[in-house]
Amino acid sequence: MNIEIWSDFACPFCYIGKRKLEKALDQFEHKNEVTTEFKSFELDPNAPKQTDKSMAEILAGKYRMPIQQAEATTANVAAQAADVGLTYHFDTMQPTNMLDAHRLTHYAKTKGKANELAERLLHAYFTESKHLSTPATLIELAGEVGLDQQEAKQVLESNQYADAVKNDHNHGIQLGLQGVPFFVINQKYVISGAQQPATFLETLNNAWEEEVATKQDQPANDACSDGLCKM
């Protein structure tokens, strides 16, 4: 069984959704037969690498809300993160363009380290307030998960894997993606958003039962409810 996960390192719900999926997998009887595959989706490809604005100021400007409302929104998201064991520091977070982080993750995929690097980058951004467009920071994080730092440096100094990032983005759009996180199980079952572990577990069991019942891909009937769609 394979799970494709479209995600962006700037998306707070992507890290939360990742943890909820992991909680579901811990309860899934066939966890050892599941593979996960990171997919890139940039929420804002035009985001600057450097900004002096806080996350609350960026949200206030983007959604035309008072700064106090934006601060309340980030506090609410931080509380949701805490519920799954994550610590978010929106007050010191360093918003940036995530293309280089995505490119580096595609390089990591060629070394079998994409999932490890994705986890490290999410923690670095949301918990440690690291700047994920700084080459030295990205190279250091790559080394921490066992990647060759010189190769990582060469990737960052080039335009390598930019096409892979774009292809992931376009593939997600073709599947109906409108936001992240976005999960596709066995190229058929879709979960959109950071749903509860019970939703993930139910879908995993349904996909497993179908996989056992037949080795041939059969198009399922259209059905959608509460962010869970069968494609």
Protein backbone atom coordinates (compact mmCIF):
# COMPACT_ATOMS: atom_id res chain seq x y z
CA MET A 1 0.00 0.00 0.00
CA ASN A 2 1.34 3.42 -0.95
CA ILE A 3 0.41 6.85 0.44
CA GLU A 4 1.34 9.96 -1.53
CA ILE A 5 1.44 13.09 0.62
CA TRP A 6 1.28 16.53 -0.99
CA SER A 7 2.68 19.06 1.45
CA ASP A 8 4.37 22.43 1.84
CA PHE A 9 6.90 23.30 4.53
CA ALA A 10 5.12 26.63 5.07
CA CYS A 11 1.80 24.88 5.83
CA PRO A 12 1.12 24.43 9.57
CA PHE A 13 -1.64 21.91 8.93
CA CYS A 14 0.73 19.74 6.88
CA TYR A 15 2.81 18.94 9.96
CA ILE A 16 -0.35 18.39 12.01
CA GLY A 17 -1.81 16.14 9.30
CA LYS A 18 1.43 14.19 9.14
CA ARG A 19 1.23 13.44 12.85
CA LYS A 20 -2.43 12.40 12.61
CA LEU A 21 -1.60 10.01 9.77
CA GLU A 22 1.24 8.56 11.84
CA LYS A 23 -1.12 8.04 14.77
CA ALA A 24 -3.48 6.16 12.45
CA LEU A 25 -0.65 4.05 11.07
CA ASP A 26 0.34 3.09 14.61
CA GLN A 27 -3.11 1.50 14.91
CA PHE A 28 -3.10 -0.02 11.43
CA GLU A 29 -2.53 -3.78 11.47
CA HIS A 30 -0.56 -3.72 8.22
CA LYS A 31 1.64 -0.70 8.96
CA ASN A 32 4.80 -2.52 7.91
CA GLU A 33 3.40 -2.94 4.40
CA VAL A 34 2.75 0.78 3.90
CA THR A 35 5.09 3.15 2.10
CA THR A 36 4.76 6.92 2.13
CA GLU A 37 5.92 9.27 -0.60
CA PHE A 38 6.47 12.99 -0.17
CA LYS A 39 5.05 15.26 -2.89
CA SER A 40 5.72 18.98 -3.28
CA PHE A 41 3.08 21.68 -3.38
CA GLU A 42 4.09 25.33 -2.96
CA LEU A 43 1.27 27.37 -1.44
CA ASP A 44 2.98 30.60 -2.50
CA PRO A 45 5.64 30.12 -5.18
CA ASN A 46 6.12 33.91 -5.26
CA ALA A 47 6.87 34.29 -1.56
CA PRO A 48 10.04 36.31 -0.94
CA LYS A 49 13.07 34.65 0.60
CA GLN A 50 13.48 37.51 3.05
CA THR A 51 10.81 39.49 4.88
CA ASP A 52 10.69 41.58 8.03
CA LYS A 53 7.01 40.74 8.58
CA SER A 54 5.82 38.34 11.25
CA MET A 55 3.55 35.43 10.40
CA ALA A 56 0.61 37.28 11.98
CA GLU A 57 1.35 40.37 9.86
CA ILE A 58 1.50 38.24 6.70
CA LEU A 59 -1.82 36.58 7.52
CA ALA A 60 -3.43 39.92 8.35
CA GLY A 61 -2.34 41.33 5.00
CA LYS A 62 -3.28 38.25 2.98
CA TYR A 63 -6.75 37.81 4.43
CA ARG A 64 -7.42 41.49 5.24
CA MET A 65 -8.04 40.89 8.90
CA PRO A 66 -7.01 42.86 12.00
CA ILE A 67 -3.63 41.89 13.42
CA GLN A 68 -5.33 40.79 16.65
CA GLN A 69 -7.48 38.34 14.70
CA ALA A 70 -4.42 36.99 12.88
CA GLU A 71 -2.64 36.49 16.19
CA ALA A 72 -5.68 34.63 17.54
CA THR A 73 -5.67 32.44 14.44
CA THR A 74 -2.04 31.46 14.89
CA ALA A 75 -2.66 30.77 18.58
CA ASN A 76 -5.51 28.46 17.64
CA VAL A 77 -3.35 26.58 15.13
CA ALA A 78 -0.57 26.29 17.72
CA ALA A 79 -3.08 24.73 20.12
CA GLN A 80 -4.11 22.20 17.48
CA ALA A 81 -0.45 21.36 16.94
CA ALA A 82 0.03 20.87 20.68
CA ASP A 83 -2.84 18.36 20.67
CA VAL A 84 -0.72 16.05 18.49
CA GLY A 85 2.51 16.66 20.38
CA LEU A 86 3.97 19.46 18.25
CA THR A 87 5.29 22.84 19.39
CA TYR A 88 4.77 25.83 17.10
CA HIS A 89 6.42 29.23 17.62
CA PHE A 90 4.58 31.59 15.31
CA ASP A 91 6.08 34.64 17.03
CA THR A 92 9.64 33.71 15.96
CA MET A 93 8.85 31.79 12.77
CA GLN A 94 10.78 33.00 9.71
CA PRO A 95 8.47 33.06 6.67
CA THR A 96 10.31 32.43 3.42
CA ASN A 97 10.12 30.93 -0.05
CA MET A 98 10.17 27.13 0.17
CA LEU A 99 11.35 26.18 -3.33
CA ASP A 100 14.89 25.32 -2.23
CA ALA A 101 13.59 23.18 0.63
CA HIS A 102 11.37 21.32 -1.83
CA ARG A 103 14.22 20.88 -4.31
CA LEU A 104 16.45 19.50 -1.59
CA THR A 105 13.74 17.03 -0.58
CA HIS A 106 13.58 15.71 -4.13
CA TYR A 107 17.33 15.21 -4.01
CA ALA A 108 16.84 13.37 -0.71
CA LYS A 109 14.28 11.14 -2.43
CA THR A 110 17.02 9.85 -4.76
CA LYS A 111 18.91 8.76 -1.64
CA GLY A 112 15.92 7.20 0.11
CA LYS A 113 15.85 10.02 2.67
CA ALA A 114 12.90 12.19 1.60
CA ASN A 115 10.67 11.33 4.54
CA GLU A 116 13.48 11.90 7.04
CA LEU A 117 14.38 15.27 5.54
CA ALA A 118 10.76 16.39 5.29
CA GLU A 119 10.26 15.69 8.99
CA ARG A 120 13.48 17.51 9.87
CA LEU A 121 12.56 20.55 7.77
CA LEU A 122 9.07 20.81 9.27
CA HIS A 123 10.45 20.65 12.80
CA ALA A 124 13.16 23.17 11.95
CA TYR A 125 10.62 25.65 10.59
CA PHE A 126 7.73 25.39 13.03
CA THR A 127 9.54 24.50 16.25
CA GLU A 128 13.08 25.82 15.88
CA SER A 129 12.28 28.94 13.82
CA LYS A 130 15.03 28.19 11.30
CA HIS A 131 15.20 30.03 7.98
CA LEU A 132 14.60 27.44 5.26
CA SER A 133 15.96 29.51 2.41
CA THR A 134 19.40 29.91 3.97
CA PRO A 135 21.76 27.51 2.14
CA ALA A 136 23.93 26.89 5.20
CA THR A 137 20.85 25.94 7.24
CA LEU A 138 19.52 23.58 4.57
CA ILE A 139 22.93 21.95 4.12
CA GLU A 140 23.24 21.45 7.88
CA LEU A 141 19.78 19.87 8.10
CA ALA A 142 20.56 17.62 5.14
CA GLY A 143 23.67 16.38 6.92
CA GLU A 144 21.68 15.68 10.08
CA VAL A 145 19.57 13.09 8.25
CA GLY A 146 22.58 11.42 6.66
CA LEU A 147 22.79 13.18 3.29
CA ASP A 148 26.09 14.23 1.75
CA GLN A 149 26.47 17.92 2.53
CA GLN A 150 28.64 18.65 -0.49
CA GLU A 151 26.05 17.11 -2.80
CA ALA A 152 23.31 19.08 -1.03
CA LYS A 153 25.33 22.26 -1.58
CA GLN A 154 25.65 21.50 -5.28
CA VAL A 155 21.90 20.96 -5.57
CA LEU A 156 21.15 24.28 -3.86
CA GLU A 157 23.63 26.17 -6.04
CA SER A 158 21.95 24.81 -9.18
CA ASN A 159 18.39 24.63 -10.43
CA GLN A 160 18.24 20.87 -9.96
CA TYR A 161 14.85 19.32 -9.14
CA ALA A 162 12.90 22.52 -9.82
CA ASP A 163 11.04 20.65 -12.56
CA ALA A 164 10.26 17.82 -10.14
CA VAL A 165 8.70 20.32 -7.73
CA LYS A 166 6.60 21.80 -10.54
CA ASN A 167 5.55 18.36 -11.78
CA ASP A 168 4.35 17.37 -8.31
CA HIS A 169 2.37 20.58 -8.07
CA ASN A 170 0.71 20.05 -11.45
CA HIS A 171 -0.03 16.39 -10.72
CA GLY A 172 -1.78 17.38 -7.52
CA ILE A 173 -3.90 19.93 -9.36
CA GLN A 174 -4.91 17.24 -11.86
CA LEU A 175 -6.08 15.07 -8.97
CA GLY A 176 -8.29 17.86 -7.67
CA LEU A 177 -6.00 19.28 -5.03
CA GLN A 178 -7.10 22.70 -3.79
CA GLY A 179 -4.92 22.89 -0.69
CA VAL A 180 -2.55 20.90 1.46
CA PRO A 181 -2.09 18.50 3.13
CA PHE A 182 -3.50 16.15 0.53
CA PHE A 183 -3.21 12.36 0.82
CA VAL A 184 -3.77 9.78 -1.92
CA ILE A 185 -3.82 6.11 -0.92
CA ASN A 186 -3.17 3.53 -3.63
CA GLN A 187 -3.84 6.21 -6.27
CA LYS A 188 -7.53 5.95 -5.44
CA TYR A 189 -8.56 7.03 -1.96
CA VAL A 190 -8.23 10.74 -1.19
CA ILE A 191 -8.10 12.53 2.14
CA SER A 192 -7.94 16.31 2.03
CA GLY A 193 -6.81 18.24 5.09
CA ALA A 194 -5.53 17.32 8.53
CA GLN A 195 -8.35 14.89 9.29
CA GLN A 196 -8.63 12.95 12.53
CA PRO A 197 -6.66 9.69 12.94
CA ALA A 198 -9.93 7.73 12.88
CA THR A 199 -10.64 9.03 9.36
CA PHE A 200 -7.19 8.00 8.19
CA LEU A 201 -7.53 4.59 9.81
CA GLU A 202 -10.94 3.91 8.27
CA THR A 203 -9.61 4.81 4.82
CA LEU A 204 -6.50 2.69 5.29
CA ASN A 205 -8.64 -0.31 6.21
CA ASN A 206 -10.93 0.24 3.22
CA ALA A 207 -7.97 0.49 0.86
CA TRP A 208 -6.38 -2.62 2.35
CA GLU A 209 -9.57 -4.66 2.00
CA GLU A 210 -9.89 -3.64 -1.63
CA GLU A 211 -6.23 -4.43 -2.30
CA VAL A 212 -6.66 -7.89 -0.83
CA ALA A 213 -9.90 -8.49 -2.73
CA THR A 214 -8.45 -7.70 -6.13
CA LYS A 215 -5.09 -6.95 -7.72
CA GLN A 216 -6.73 -5.07 -10.54
CA ASP A 217 -7.48 -1.38 -10.30
CA GLN A 218 -11.23 -0.85 -10.40
CA PRO A 219 -12.72 2.68 -10.56
CA ALA A 220 -14.82 3.28 -7.49
CA ASN A 221 -18.17 5.05 -7.40
CA ASP A 222 -17.98 8.76 -6.82
CA ALA A 223 -18.52 9.56 -3.17
CA CYS A 224 -17.47 12.44 -0.95
CA SER A 225 -18.21 13.29 2.65
CA ASP A 226 -16.50 15.51 5.21
CA GLY A 227 -13.29 15.97 3.27
CA LEU A 228 -12.91 12.26 2.45
CA CYS A 229 -13.38 11.33 -1.20
CA LYS A 230 -13.15 8.00 -2.99
CA MET A 231 -11.83 8.50 -6.51
